[in-house]
C-alpha cells in the first residue's frame, strides 16, 4: 500500500525539519479557511466586486469538491496510522485529497489567472507549493494527498478559465428568477450528493486504530456540505439580487472608505458567525443541521447583498447598474 511507502518519508522529513514547525504552521495558514474568510470579502468590498465574486465561487466549488471526494475515498491521515508521525494540527476530516493543497491551487491559481501577470503566476505558484509541502511536513497529509489536491485544484482552474467567459455571459443574460433558481438548485445538490454518498456507505465503520491515534473523530459528518451550500446560496443569491435591484458595488470607490467598508463588513460577518453560533445548536440533529445552513446562508447574503446596501446608505460605498463589457465587432 502506498501509505506504507510514504510513512517513512514523512517521518524522516519531520525529523530533519523538526525545528521549522512554526514556519510550516505560518505557511499552512495561507491555505486556511480563516484566511480566505478574511481576504475574499476584502476583494469583493475593496478591490473588484466581480473578481471577488468569481474567486469566492471558485473557493466554494473547490471546498465542496474536496469534501465530497474525501467522503467517497475515505482515506486516513498519516498520524492516524503511525505513532511516529507528529501531527502539527488535528483534523476531523479524511485526508485524500488535501484540502489546503486543492483550495490553494484553485483560489491562488485563479487569482493569478485574474491578475494575468507573469509575476503573479510565479508568486502564486510558489505559495501553492509551500502550502502543500507544509501539510506533509506537519504530518497531516500524505504526499499523495497533496499531489491529488494540486491536480484537482488546478484542473478546476483550467476548466473554469476555458469556460468562464461564455458561462458568465450566458448567466448574465438569464432573467433574475432563473438565475436564483440555478443558485438554489446547485446549493441543493451540494447537500444531496454527500447525503447520497453517506446513505450508500451504511456498512463502513471507522477503523479502531484510527480512533486510537486521532481521538473521537467523525470524518463522515456533513458539516462541510451544509456550510458550503449555505454560503453558496447566500453569496451568489445575494449577488444576483443586488445586480438586478441596483447593480454592482464599485469596490474601487474612495480611499479611507475602503477601510470603513472592510471594518463594517467584517463586523457584520463576526456578529452573524459568533452571534448565531451562540444561539443556534451546534450538533448533528436535524434542527442543528438546518440552522447551520441558515447561519452560513445569512453570512453569504450579508457579504454580497446586505453590506453593499448598508455601505451605500452610509455614503461609504457606491452601487452602479451593471454594464456588460462591450465587444468591438469588425466592420
Protein backbone atom coordinates (compact mmCIF):
# COMPACT_ATOMS: atom_id res chain seq x y z
CA UNK A 1 0.00 0.00 0.00
CA UNK A 2 1.30 3.44 -0.96
CA UNK A 3 0.75 4.81 2.55
CA UNK A 4 3.28 2.34 3.97
CA UNK A 5 5.84 3.67 1.48
CA UNK A 6 5.07 7.29 2.33
CA UNK A 7 5.09 7.00 6.13
CA UNK A 8 8.91 6.56 6.48
CA UNK A 9 9.44 9.51 4.12
CA UNK A 10 7.19 11.77 6.21
CA UNK A 11 8.87 10.57 9.41
CA UNK A 12 12.34 11.32 8.00
CA UNK A 13 11.14 14.70 6.75
CA UNK A 14 9.75 15.61 10.17
CA UNK A 15 12.96 14.55 11.91
CA UNK A 16 15.04 16.64 9.52
CA UNK A 17 12.83 19.75 9.65
CA UNK A 18 11.51 19.47 13.21
CA UNK A 19 12.90 22.89 14.23
CA UNK A 20 10.97 24.58 11.41
CA UNK A 21 7.47 23.63 12.57
CA UNK A 22 6.50 27.25 13.44
CA UNK A 23 7.37 28.20 9.85
CA UNK A 24 5.23 25.38 8.43
CA UNK A 25 2.34 26.44 10.65
CA UNK A 26 2.62 30.01 9.36
CA UNK A 27 2.80 28.85 5.74
CA UNK A 28 -0.11 26.44 6.08
CA UNK A 29 -2.24 29.36 7.33
CA UNK A 30 -2.01 30.82 3.80
CA UNK A 31 -4.30 27.97 2.74
CA UNK A 32 -6.55 28.05 5.78
CA UNK A 33 -10.27 28.74 5.62
CA UNK A 34 -9.91 31.53 8.18
CA UNK A 35 -7.58 33.49 5.89
CA UNK A 36 -9.93 33.02 2.96
CA UNK A 37 -12.79 34.40 5.05
CA UNK A 38 -10.68 37.48 5.77
CA UNK A 39 -9.34 38.03 2.26
CA UNK A 40 -12.20 37.07 -0.06
CA UNK A 41 -14.71 39.65 1.30
CA UNK A 42 -11.97 42.30 1.14
CA UNK A 43 -11.57 41.70 -2.59
CA UNK A 44 -15.34 41.95 -3.09
CA UNK A 45 -15.74 45.11 -0.99
CA UNK A 46 -12.48 46.95 -1.64
CA UNK A 47 -10.82 45.77 -4.88
CA UNK A 48 -13.21 44.48 -7.56
CA UNK A 49 -16.65 43.04 -6.81
CA UNK A 50 -16.83 40.90 -9.96
CA UNK A 51 -13.36 39.45 -9.37
CA UNK A 52 -14.25 38.86 -5.72
CA UNK A 53 -17.44 37.09 -6.74
CA UNK A 54 -15.56 34.82 -9.14
CA UNK A 55 -12.80 34.00 -6.64
CA UNK A 56 -15.41 33.34 -3.96
CA UNK A 57 -17.29 30.97 -6.28
CA UNK A 58 -14.05 29.13 -7.10
CA UNK A 59 -13.28 28.76 -3.39
CA UNK A 60 -16.73 27.38 -2.61
CA UNK A 61 -16.64 24.96 -5.55
CA UNK A 62 -13.19 23.73 -4.57
CA UNK A 63 -14.14 23.38 -0.92
CA UNK A 64 -17.24 21.37 -1.75
CA UNK A 65 -15.42 19.21 -4.29
CA UNK A 66 -12.70 18.47 -1.77
CA UNK A 67 -15.09 17.40 0.97
CA UNK A 68 -17.16 15.35 -1.49
CA UNK A 69 -14.14 13.45 -2.83
CA UNK A 70 -12.93 12.81 0.72
CA UNK A 71 -16.10 11.06 1.87
CA UNK A 72 -16.05 8.93 -1.28
CA UNK A 73 -12.42 7.76 -0.93
CA UNK A 74 -12.31 7.65 2.91
CA UNK A 75 -8.51 7.80 3.21
CA UNK A 76 -6.70 8.30 6.56
CA UNK A 77 -4.16 10.92 7.56
CA UNK A 78 -0.54 9.95 8.39
CA UNK A 79 -0.84 10.46 12.14
CA UNK A 80 -3.92 8.21 12.17
CA UNK A 81 -1.71 5.30 11.07
CA UNK A 82 1.63 5.84 12.80
CA UNK A 83 2.71 6.81 16.30
CA UNK A 84 5.99 8.02 14.81
CA UNK A 85 4.28 10.89 12.99
CA UNK A 86 3.72 14.06 14.99
CA UNK A 87 0.62 15.98 13.93
CA UNK A 88 1.13 19.73 13.66
CA UNK A 89 -2.65 20.12 13.74
CA UNK A 90 -5.66 17.92 14.39
CA UNK A 91 -8.36 17.38 11.77
CA UNK A 92 -11.72 15.65 11.76
CA UNK A 93 -11.93 15.01 8.00
CA UNK A 94 -10.40 12.35 5.76
CA UNK A 95 -7.03 13.01 4.17
CA UNK A 96 -7.35 12.46 0.40
CA UNK A 97 -7.19 14.90 -1.30
CA UNK A 98 -5.55 17.61 0.80
CA UNK A 99 -7.98 20.49 1.26
CA UNK A 100 -5.21 23.03 1.76
CA UNK A 101 -3.43 21.87 -1.40
CA UNK A 102 -6.59 21.74 -3.50
CA UNK A 103 -8.11 25.01 -2.29
CA UNK A 104 -4.82 26.92 -2.55
CA UNK A 105 -4.27 25.61 -6.09
CA UNK A 106 -7.82 26.63 -7.03
CA UNK A 107 -8.00 30.00 -5.23
CA UNK A 108 -4.47 31.30 -5.71
CA UNK A 109 -4.31 29.72 -9.16
CA UNK A 110 -7.48 31.53 -10.17
CA UNK A 111 -6.19 34.73 -8.58
CA UNK A 112 -3.10 34.52 -10.81
CA UNK A 113 -5.45 34.00 -13.77
CA UNK A 114 -7.36 37.16 -12.83
CA UNK A 115 -4.18 39.24 -12.45
CA UNK A 116 -2.77 37.96 -15.77
CA UNK A 117 0.83 38.90 -14.97
CA UNK A 118 3.88 36.64 -15.07
CA UNK A 119 4.96 37.71 -11.57
CA UNK A 120 1.58 36.63 -10.20
CA UNK A 121 1.98 33.15 -11.69
CA UNK A 122 5.39 32.78 -10.02
CA UNK A 123 4.29 34.16 -6.64
CA UNK A 124 1.08 32.15 -6.53
CA UNK A 125 2.87 29.03 -7.79
CA UNK A 126 5.48 29.23 -5.03
CA UNK A 127 2.74 29.85 -2.46
CA UNK A 128 0.74 26.85 -3.67
CA UNK A 129 3.83 24.62 -3.49
CA UNK A 130 4.81 25.76 0.01
CA UNK A 131 1.28 25.33 1.37
CA UNK A 132 1.14 21.77 0.06
CA UNK A 133 4.62 20.95 1.33
CA UNK A 134 3.76 22.34 4.78
CA UNK A 135 0.90 19.83 5.06
CA UNK A 136 3.35 16.96 4.57
CA UNK A 137 5.92 18.45 6.96
CA UNK A 138 3.20 18.88 9.60
CA UNK A 139 2.29 15.21 9.30
CA UNK A 140 -1.37 15.86 8.47
CA UNK A 141 -1.25 14.68 4.85
CA UNK A 142 0.44 12.07 2.74
CA UNK A 143 2.42 13.11 -0.34
CA UNK A 144 -0.27 11.51 -2.49
CA UNK A 145 -2.94 13.61 -0.70
CA UNK A 146 -1.14 16.80 -1.67
CA UNK A 147 -0.41 15.72 -5.24
CA UNK A 148 -4.06 14.86 -5.86
CA UNK A 149 -5.15 18.12 -4.22
CA UNK A 150 -2.90 20.15 -6.51
CA UNK A 151 -4.07 18.20 -9.55
CA UNK A 152 -7.80 18.60 -8.90
CA UNK A 153 -7.46 22.26 -7.86
CA UNK A 154 -5.51 23.22 -10.98
CA UNK A 155 -7.86 21.15 -13.14
CA UNK A 156 -10.76 23.20 -11.76
CA UNK A 157 -8.92 26.42 -12.66
CA UNK A 158 -8.20 25.14 -16.17
CA UNK A 159 -11.82 24.15 -16.79
CA UNK A 160 -13.17 27.47 -15.48
CA UNK A 161 -10.58 29.50 -17.39
CA UNK A 162 -11.72 27.89 -20.63
CA UNK A 163 -15.43 28.35 -19.94
CA UNK A 164 -15.89 31.28 -17.51
CA UNK A 165 -16.40 33.99 -20.16
CA UNK A 166 -19.07 32.03 -22.03
CA UNK A 167 -20.68 30.80 -18.82
CA UNK A 168 -20.75 34.27 -17.31
CA UNK A 169 -22.25 35.78 -20.46
CA UNK A 170 -24.98 33.13 -20.57
CA UNK A 171 -25.82 33.56 -16.90
CA UNK A 172 -25.92 37.35 -17.12
CA UNK A 173 -28.45 37.14 -19.97
CA UNK A 174 -30.82 35.00 -17.93
CA UNK A 175 -33.80 36.50 -16.03
CA UNK A 176 -33.28 37.03 -12.29
CA UNK A 177 -35.75 34.29 -11.34
CA UNK A 178 -33.89 31.74 -13.45
CA UNK A 179 -30.53 32.83 -12.02
CA UNK A 180 -31.83 32.44 -8.47
CA UNK A 181 -33.31 29.05 -9.36
CA UNK A 182 -29.90 27.91 -10.66
CA UNK A 183 -28.23 29.05 -7.44
CA UNK A 184 -30.85 27.30 -5.29
CA UNK A 185 -30.66 24.03 -7.26
CA UNK A 186 -26.86 23.94 -7.15
CA UNK A 187 -26.95 24.66 -3.42
CA UNK A 188 -29.36 21.78 -3.00
CA UNK A 189 -27.03 19.47 -4.93
CA UNK A 190 -24.21 20.39 -2.53
CA UNK A 191 -26.31 18.83 0.21
CA UNK A 192 -27.96 15.99 -1.71
CA UNK A 193 -24.81 14.44 -3.22
CA UNK A 194 -22.93 13.97 0.10
CA UNK A 195 -26.15 12.68 1.71
CA UNK A 196 -26.39 10.04 -1.05
CA UNK A 197 -22.75 9.02 -0.57
CA UNK A 198 -23.32 8.62 3.14
CA UNK A 199 -26.53 6.65 2.54
CA UNK A 200 -24.66 4.32 0.19
CA UNK A 201 -21.98 3.62 2.84
CA UNK A 202 -24.07 2.04 5.62
CA UNK A 203 -21.56 -0.71 6.34
CA UNK A 204 -18.48 1.48 6.59
CA UNK A 205 -17.03 1.80 10.09
CA UNK A 206 -14.19 3.89 11.42
CA UNK A 207 -11.15 1.63 11.99
CA UNK A 208 -10.27 1.32 15.68
CA UNK A 209 -6.59 2.13 15.07
CA UNK A 210 -7.55 5.47 13.54
CA UNK A 211 -9.62 6.40 16.58
CA UNK A 212 -6.85 5.23 18.92
CA UNK A 213 -4.42 7.77 17.46
CA UNK A 214 -6.71 10.54 16.23
CA UNK A 215 -9.22 10.59 19.08
CA UNK A 216 -13.02 10.94 18.70
CA UNK A 217 -13.25 11.84 15.00
CA UNK A 218 -16.29 11.75 12.72
CA UNK A 219 -14.95 12.17 9.16
CA UNK A 220 -18.28 11.19 7.59
CA UNK A 221 -20.12 14.18 9.07
CA UNK A 222 -21.75 16.56 6.58
CA UNK A 223 -20.86 19.89 8.20
CA UNK A 224 -18.77 20.88 5.19
CA UNK A 225 -21.74 20.28 2.89
CA UNK A 226 -24.19 22.39 4.90
CA UNK A 227 -21.65 25.17 5.45
CA UNK A 228 -20.63 25.50 1.80
CA UNK A 229 -24.15 25.03 0.45
CA UNK A 230 -25.35 27.82 2.74
CA UNK A 231 -22.53 30.17 1.75
CA UNK A 232 -23.11 29.37 -1.93
CA UNK A 233 -26.82 30.14 -1.69
CA UNK A 234 -26.36 33.34 0.30
CA UNK A 235 -23.32 34.73 -1.51
CA UNK A 236 -24.33 34.04 -5.12
CA UNK A 237 -28.03 34.59 -4.47
CA UNK A 238 -27.26 37.93 -2.83
CA UNK A 239 -25.05 38.94 -5.74
CA UNK A 240 -27.87 38.19 -8.20
CA UNK A 241 -30.39 40.16 -6.12
CA UNK A 242 -28.12 43.19 -5.82
CA UNK A 243 -27.22 43.16 -9.51
CA UNK A 244 -30.85 43.17 -10.62
CA UNK A 245 -32.07 45.55 -7.91
CA UNK A 246 -29.35 48.20 -8.07
CA UNK A 247 -26.22 46.97 -9.81
CA UNK A 248 -22.63 46.15 -8.79
CA UNK A 249 -20.72 47.54 -5.83
CA UNK A 250 -17.97 49.89 -7.06
CA UNK A 251 -15.22 48.39 -4.96
CA UNK A 252 -12.54 50.83 -6.11
CA UNK A 253 -14.54 53.81 -4.82
CA UNK A 254 -12.80 56.02 -2.26
CA UNK A 255 -9.66 55.59 -0.19
CA UNK A 256 -10.49 55.68 3.50
CA UNK A 257 -13.96 54.48 2.53
CA UNK A 258 -12.43 51.12 1.58
CA UNK A 259 -11.13 50.68 5.13
CA UNK A 260 -14.53 51.62 6.56
CA UNK A 261 -16.29 49.18 4.25
CA UNK A 262 -13.99 46.37 5.27
CA UNK A 263 -14.34 47.06 9.00
CA UNK A 264 -18.12 47.37 8.83
CA UNK A 265 -18.43 44.32 6.59
CA UNK A 266 -16.25 42.12 8.77
CA UNK A 267 -18.08 43.31 11.89
CA UNK A 268 -21.28 42.01 10.32
CA UNK A 269 -19.64 38.69 9.47
CA UNK A 270 -18.39 38.30 13.04
CA UNK A 271 -21.78 39.18 14.53
CA UNK A 272 -23.54 36.63 12.33
CA UNK A 273 -20.88 33.95 12.82
CA UNK A 274 -20.42 34.32 16.58
CA UNK A 275 -23.90 35.55 17.46
CA UNK A 276 -25.83 32.90 15.54
CA UNK A 277 -23.23 30.34 16.56
CA UNK A 278 -24.07 31.04 20.19
CA UNK A 279 -27.82 30.97 19.57
CA UNK A 280 -28.08 28.00 17.22
CA UNK A 281 -27.37 24.43 18.39
CA UNK A 282 -24.10 23.03 17.02
CA UNK A 283 -24.94 19.33 16.76
CA UNK A 284 -25.86 16.68 14.22
CA UNK A 285 -29.60 16.84 14.92
CA UNK A 286 -31.90 17.86 12.07
CA UNK A 287 -32.63 21.30 13.63
CA UNK A 288 -28.90 21.81 14.21
CA UNK A 289 -28.06 20.98 10.59
CA UNK A 290 -30.83 23.20 9.22
CA UNK A 291 -29.74 26.11 11.38
CA UNK A 292 -26.10 25.64 10.33
CA UNK A 293 -27.22 26.01 6.71
CA UNK A 294 -29.27 29.11 7.58
CA UNK A 295 -26.39 30.64 9.54
CA UNK A 296 -23.93 30.42 6.67
CA UNK A 297 -26.53 31.44 4.09
CA UNK A 298 -27.07 34.64 6.06
CA UNK A 299 -23.31 35.27 6.22
CA UNK A 300 -23.04 34.87 2.45
CA UNK A 301 -26.08 37.11 1.91
CA UNK A 302 -24.57 39.79 4.13
CA UNK A 303 -21.28 39.80 2.26
CA UNK A 304 -22.73 40.12 -1.25
CA UNK A 305 -26.06 41.94 -0.69
CA UNK A 306 -26.69 43.33 2.80
CA UNK A 307 -23.34 45.04 3.37
CA UNK A 308 -23.21 46.85 -0.02
CA UNK A 309 -26.68 48.30 0.62
CA UNK A 310 -25.52 49.47 4.05
CA UNK A 311 -22.33 50.93 2.57
CA UNK A 312 -24.38 53.00 0.13
CA UNK A 313 -26.77 54.16 2.83
CA UNK A 314 -23.81 55.27 4.98
CA UNK A 315 -22.23 57.03 1.97
CA UNK A 316 -19.08 54.91 2.07
CA UNK A 317 -19.99 52.84 -0.98
CA UNK A 318 -21.46 53.30 -4.43
CA UNK A 319 -23.59 50.83 -6.40
CA UNK A 320 -23.96 51.33 -10.14
CA UNK A 321 -26.03 49.44 -12.72
CA UNK A 322 -24.14 46.57 -14.31
CA UNK A 323 -22.99 47.23 -17.88
CA UNK A 324 -21.70 44.15 -19.72
CA UNK A 325 -18.27 44.60 -21.37
CA UNK A 326 -18.64 45.93 -24.89
CA UNK A 327 -17.07 43.99 -27.74
CA UNK A 328 -15.93 45.74 -30.86
CA UNK A 329 -17.18 43.96 -33.94
CA UNK A 330 -15.06 44.08 -37.07
CA UNK A 331 -16.64 46.09 -39.87
